[in-house]
Protein backbone atom coordinates (compact mmCIF):
# COMPACT_ATOMS: atom_id res chain seq x y z
CA MET A 1 0.00 0.00 0.00
CA VAL A 2 1.27 3.43 -0.93
CA ALA A 3 0.02 6.72 0.53
CA TYR A 4 0.94 10.08 -0.92
CA ASP A 5 0.27 13.76 -1.27
CA ASP A 6 -0.65 15.11 -4.70
CA PHE A 7 2.55 15.76 -6.76
CA ASN A 8 1.82 16.06 -10.53
CA GLY A 9 -0.36 12.99 -10.65
CA PHE A 10 0.59 9.33 -10.53
CA GLN A 11 1.75 8.51 -14.07
CA VAL A 12 5.37 9.25 -14.95
CA GLN A 13 5.89 12.18 -17.33
CA ALA A 14 8.79 14.24 -18.57
CA ASN A 15 9.83 17.28 -16.54
CA ALA A 16 7.30 16.73 -13.74
CA ARG A 17 7.40 15.22 -10.24
CA THR A 18 5.04 12.22 -10.25
CA ILE A 19 4.32 9.40 -7.82
CA GLN A 20 5.36 6.69 -10.26
CA GLY A 21 8.57 8.54 -11.07
CA ALA A 22 9.46 9.02 -7.40
CA LEU A 23 8.80 5.35 -6.57
CA GLU A 24 10.91 4.19 -9.51
CA ASP A 25 13.70 6.62 -8.69
CA GLY A 26 13.75 5.42 -5.09
CA LEU A 27 14.03 1.79 -6.15
CA GLU A 28 16.79 2.56 -8.65
CA ARG A 29 18.80 4.34 -5.98
CA LEU A 30 18.22 1.41 -3.63
CA THR A 31 18.94 -1.50 -6.01
CA GLY A 32 21.08 0.12 -8.71
CA GLN A 33 18.61 -1.05 -11.37
CA PHE A 34 15.62 0.58 -13.05
CA CYS A 35 12.36 -1.16 -12.09
CA ARG A 36 9.05 -0.26 -13.76
CA ILE A 37 6.15 0.41 -11.37
CA HIS A 38 2.57 -0.52 -12.31
CA GLY A 39 -0.29 1.10 -10.39
CA SER A 40 -3.94 0.30 -9.77
CA GLY A 41 -4.93 3.64 -11.29
CA ARG A 42 -3.68 7.02 -12.44
CA THR A 43 -4.67 9.67 -9.94
CA ASP A 44 -4.61 13.21 -11.35
CA THR A 45 -2.57 16.19 -10.24
CA GLY A 46 -3.83 17.38 -6.86
CA VAL A 47 -5.37 14.02 -5.87
CA HIS A 48 -4.11 12.21 -2.77
CA ALA A 49 -4.03 8.50 -1.91
CA HIS A 50 -4.31 6.47 1.26
CA GLY A 51 -4.39 3.01 -0.37
CA GLN A 52 -2.84 3.02 -3.83
CA VAL A 53 -1.62 -0.44 -4.93
CA VAL A 54 1.47 -0.83 -7.09
CA SER A 55 3.34 -3.81 -8.47
CA VAL A 56 7.00 -4.20 -9.38
CA ALA A 57 9.48 -6.97 -10.25
CA LEU A 58 12.90 -6.27 -8.77
CA PRO A 59 16.07 -7.99 -7.56
CA TRP A 60 15.92 -8.30 -3.77
CA LYS A 61 17.59 -10.87 -1.53
CA HIS A 62 16.46 -9.63 1.87
CA SER A 63 13.15 -9.73 3.73
CA ILE A 64 9.98 -8.00 2.60
CA ASP A 65 9.98 -5.86 5.74
CA ALA A 66 13.55 -4.79 5.02
CA LEU A 67 12.50 -3.72 1.53
CA CYS A 68 9.65 -1.61 2.89
CA GLN A 69 11.95 0.18 5.33
CA ALA A 70 14.78 0.66 2.84
CA TRP A 71 12.52 1.89 0.04
CA ASN A 72 10.97 4.51 2.28
CA ARG A 73 14.41 5.94 3.06
CA TYR A 74 14.77 6.85 -0.61
CA LEU A 75 11.33 8.42 -1.02
CA PRO A 76 10.19 12.04 -0.52
CA HIS A 77 8.35 12.77 2.72
CA ALA A 78 5.11 13.13 0.77
CA ILE A 79 5.18 9.43 -0.22
CA VAL A 80 5.24 6.39 2.05
CA VAL A 81 5.16 2.66 1.29
CA ARG A 82 2.86 1.30 4.00
CA HIS A 83 2.90 -2.42 3.28
CA VAL A 84 4.69 -4.89 0.98
CA ILE A 85 3.70 -8.47 0.04
CA GLU A 86 4.70 -10.99 -2.59
CA GLU A 87 2.71 -10.94 -5.81
CA PRO A 88 0.51 -13.95 -6.66
CA GLU A 89 0.55 -15.51 -10.11
CA ASN A 90 -1.33 -13.58 -12.82
CA PHE A 91 -1.93 -10.59 -10.54
CA HIS A 92 -2.07 -7.07 -11.96
CA PRO A 93 -2.79 -4.07 -9.68
CA ARG A 94 -5.08 -2.45 -12.22
CA PHE A 95 -6.77 -5.25 -14.12
CA SER A 96 -7.21 -7.57 -11.12
CA ALA A 97 -8.97 -4.84 -9.11
CA THR A 98 -12.68 -5.39 -8.59
CA LYS A 99 -13.57 -2.26 -6.58
CA ARG A 100 -12.09 1.13 -5.84
CA THR A 101 -13.15 3.53 -3.11
CA TYR A 102 -12.64 7.29 -3.15
CA ARG A 103 -13.62 9.93 -0.63
CA TYR A 104 -14.07 13.66 -1.08
CA THR A 105 -14.04 16.12 1.83
CA VAL A 106 -16.02 19.37 1.98
CA TYR A 107 -16.22 22.03 4.68
CA CYS A 108 -19.42 24.06 4.72
CA PRO A 109 -21.12 26.44 7.19
CA THR A 110 -23.82 25.01 9.40
CA VAL A 111 -25.86 28.21 9.01
CA GLY A 112 -25.32 31.54 7.32
CA MET A 113 -22.76 32.36 4.66
CA LEU A 114 -18.99 32.73 4.66
CA GLU A 115 -18.63 36.33 3.53
CA ASN A 116 -15.39 37.82 4.82
CA VAL A 117 -12.93 34.90 4.78
CA GLN A 118 -11.35 34.51 1.34
CA ARG A 119 -8.88 31.68 1.93
CA PHE A 120 -8.68 28.65 4.22
CA PRO A 121 -5.06 27.50 4.35
CA LEU A 122 -5.68 24.94 7.11
CA PHE A 123 -8.36 23.14 5.09
CA GLU A 124 -7.88 23.76 1.40
CA ARG A 125 -5.00 21.35 0.84
CA PHE A 126 -7.23 18.36 1.59
CA ALA A 127 -10.77 19.71 1.23
CA PHE A 128 -13.09 22.00 -0.68
CA VAL A 129 -14.61 24.90 1.27
CA GLU A 130 -18.21 25.71 0.35
CA LYS A 131 -19.40 29.15 1.42
CA LEU A 132 -23.09 28.27 1.68
CA PRO A 133 -24.93 25.73 3.89
CA LEU A 134 -25.71 22.46 2.09
CA ASP A 135 -28.81 20.26 2.25
CA ILE A 136 -27.13 16.93 2.97
CA VAL A 137 -30.41 14.99 2.94
CA ARG A 138 -31.12 16.08 -0.62
CA MET A 139 -27.51 15.41 -1.61
CA ASN A 140 -27.89 11.82 -0.42
CA GLN A 141 -31.17 11.54 -2.31
CA GLY A 142 -29.32 12.66 -5.42
CA ALA A 143 -26.47 10.23 -4.71
CA ALA A 144 -28.99 7.37 -4.49
CA GLN A 145 -29.84 7.94 -8.18
CA LEU A 146 -26.25 7.02 -9.06
CA VAL A 147 -26.20 3.57 -7.44
CA GLY A 148 -26.12 0.62 -9.84
CA GLU A 149 -24.80 0.09 -13.34
CA HIS A 150 -25.24 3.10 -15.63
CA ASP A 151 -23.68 4.72 -18.63
CA PHE A 152 -21.85 7.58 -16.89
CA ALA A 153 -20.81 9.37 -20.10
CA THR A 154 -22.19 12.62 -18.68
CA PHE A 155 -19.67 12.50 -15.84
CA GLY A 156 -16.38 11.55 -17.46
CA ARG A 157 -14.35 10.00 -20.24
CA PRO A 158 -12.87 6.48 -20.30
CA THR A 159 -9.35 6.04 -18.95
CA TYR A 160 -8.91 3.23 -21.50
CA GLY A 161 -11.17 1.60 -24.09
CA GLU A 162 -14.45 3.19 -25.15
CA SER A 163 -17.05 2.02 -22.64
CA THR A 164 -18.45 4.59 -20.22
CA VAL A 165 -20.53 2.03 -18.30
CA ARG A 166 -19.58 1.65 -14.66
CA ARG A 167 -21.24 0.18 -11.56
CA ILE A 168 -21.46 2.20 -8.35
CA ASP A 169 -22.00 -0.09 -5.37
CA GLU A 170 -22.14 2.50 -2.60
CA ILE A 171 -22.19 6.28 -2.46
CA GLY A 172 -23.21 8.67 0.27
CA TRP A 173 -22.46 11.78 2.30
CA ARG A 174 -21.91 11.82 6.04
CA VAL A 175 -21.24 14.54 8.59
CA GLU A 176 -18.10 13.58 10.48
CA SER A 177 -18.48 13.61 14.25
CA GLU A 178 -16.72 16.35 16.21
CA SER A 179 -16.01 18.22 13.00
CA ILE A 180 -17.34 21.66 13.89
CA VAL A 181 -14.69 24.32 13.30
CA ARG A 182 -15.06 27.90 14.50
CA LEU A 183 -14.09 30.74 12.20
CA ASP A 184 -15.70 33.39 14.38
CA SER A 185 -19.10 33.13 12.71
CA PRO A 186 -20.48 30.98 11.16
CA GLN A 187 -19.22 27.53 12.11
CA LEU A 188 -17.92 25.02 9.58
CA GLN A 189 -18.73 21.33 9.54
CA ARG A 190 -16.81 18.63 7.68
CA ILE A 191 -18.80 16.38 5.36
CA VAL A 192 -17.38 13.49 3.35
CA LEU A 193 -18.62 11.71 0.26
CA THR A 194 -17.51 8.09 0.00
CA VAL A 195 -18.06 6.22 -3.26
CA THR A 196 -17.20 2.62 -4.17
CA ALA A 197 -17.42 1.37 -7.76
CA ASN A 198 -15.99 -1.29 -10.05
CA GLY A 199 -14.20 1.52 -11.89
CA PHE A 200 -14.27 5.24 -12.57
CA LEU A 201 -14.07 7.42 -15.65
CA ARG A 202 -11.55 10.23 -15.87
CA ARG A 203 -12.58 12.97 -13.39
CA MET A 204 -15.79 11.07 -12.67
CA VAL A 205 -15.69 11.48 -8.88
CA ARG A 206 -14.98 15.20 -9.07
CA ASN A 207 -17.83 15.64 -11.54
CA LEU A 208 -20.21 13.65 -9.35
CA VAL A 209 -19.28 15.73 -6.30
CA GLY A 210 -19.79 18.95 -8.25
CA THR A 211 -23.21 17.73 -9.36
CA LEU A 212 -24.30 16.71 -5.87
CA LEU A 213 -23.16 20.05 -4.46
CA GLN A 214 -25.51 21.73 -6.92
CA VAL A 215 -28.30 19.63 -5.42
CA GLY A 216 -27.22 20.65 -1.92
CA ARG A 217 -27.22 24.32 -2.93
CA GLY A 218 -30.76 24.00 -4.29
CA LYS A 219 -29.71 24.72 -7.88
CA TRP A 220 -30.42 21.16 -9.06
CA SER A 221 -33.32 18.90 -8.14
CA VAL A 222 -32.90 15.22 -7.37
CA ALA A 223 -34.65 14.48 -10.67
CA ASP A 224 -32.01 16.55 -12.47
CA VAL A 225 -29.40 13.99 -11.43
CA SER A 226 -31.38 11.17 -13.05
CA ASP A 227 -31.89 13.30 -16.15
CA ALA A 228 -28.15 14.00 -16.37
CA ILE A 229 -27.35 10.28 -16.24
CA ALA A 230 -29.90 9.53 -18.97
CA ALA A 231 -28.56 12.33 -21.20
CA LYS A 232 -25.10 10.68 -21.61
CA ASP A 233 -23.89 14.17 -22.54
CA ARG A 234 -20.83 15.86 -21.00
CA SER A 235 -22.48 19.27 -21.33
CA ARG A 236 -25.16 18.16 -18.85
CA CYS A 237 -22.66 17.78 -16.01
CA ALA A 238 -22.19 20.39 -13.30
CA PRO A 239 -18.71 21.94 -12.99
CA PRO A 240 -16.22 19.63 -11.25
CA VAL A 241 -14.82 20.37 -7.83
CA PRO A 242 -11.05 20.92 -7.40
CA PRO A 243 -8.88 17.80 -6.96
CA ASN A 244 -7.47 18.71 -3.55
CA GLY A 245 -10.35 17.16 -1.58
CA LEU A 246 -10.11 13.79 -3.33
CA VAL A 247 -8.39 10.73 -1.86
CA LEU A 248 -8.04 7.22 -3.29
CA GLU A 249 -8.99 5.38 -0.12
CA ARG A 250 -8.62 1.72 -1.05
CA VAL A 251 -8.53 -0.86 -3.84
CA ASP A 252 -10.16 -4.28 -3.45
CA TYR A 253 -9.31 -7.58 -5.14
CA SER A 254 -12.03 -10.21 -4.68
CA GLU A 255 -9.83 -13.04 -5.98
CA TYR A 256 -7.05 -12.25 -3.49
CA PRO A 257 -8.78 -11.32 -0.21
CA HIS A 258 -6.11 -12.96 1.97
CA LEU A 259 -3.26 -10.90 0.51
CA PHE A 260 -4.16 -7.39 1.55
CA LEU A 261 -4.11 -7.19 5.31
CA LEU A 262 -3.89 -3.41 5.65
CA GLU A 263 -7.34 -2.11 4.79
CA GLY A 264 -7.51 -4.21 1.64
CA SER A 265 -4.46 -2.92 -0.18
CA GLY A 266 -0.75 -3.52 -0.61
CA VAL A 267 2.42 -3.19 -2.60
CA VAL A 268 3.17 -6.40 -4.43
CA LEU A 269 6.44 -7.74 -5.78
């Protein structure tokens, strides 16, 4: 399992600091050989991860625990390898995955409007700050329209192939306990959307969050969410939220449930 701050996305690219590039550079410095990393998905610039899964074949004669400790010594502070296991036969971190879970964090006032505060440096790195109160009940009613298998073409483009059909197993907003934050007046509460699906389109989660926020603001009805799904038209999507509130929480592999002991994810060799 790999956790990280945002960098310039996961996938390696020229002249940019990426997660894949940093992991590969760390291994090369450790082993003296270049080793290609394969990930369970390509998180965008600004997106964080708590449970990214990567796979790599490399020369290593010591224990798995020793590899985890040594690898971390060659990584930036914004990246940590949390767990390492041996890779089973025919495993691939991306194509063997059966479910992925993301969460998106929002701060919003409980009552009133944020009028005088322009920036929120303590929150904005890992959350989106909404300046109006949100109707969370209606947002969950809107989220319920998204459950099941649908053509989500309105909410994103394929990361590979042409199909825009995905299956959302669970999605919902919750108010986190003890999350009230005082900024003089009004107070802010932290709400989190958690969504689990068999796969996601490019920017799909950010587009879904943006759409559900429109419901919470009263600018969209619950029926508008269903209509947007049926339209299969990118122009029918609400504006996406910024990436900073998004975290890849975990990746699940139904064929290998015994392998991933730390919240369902790992780094495999």
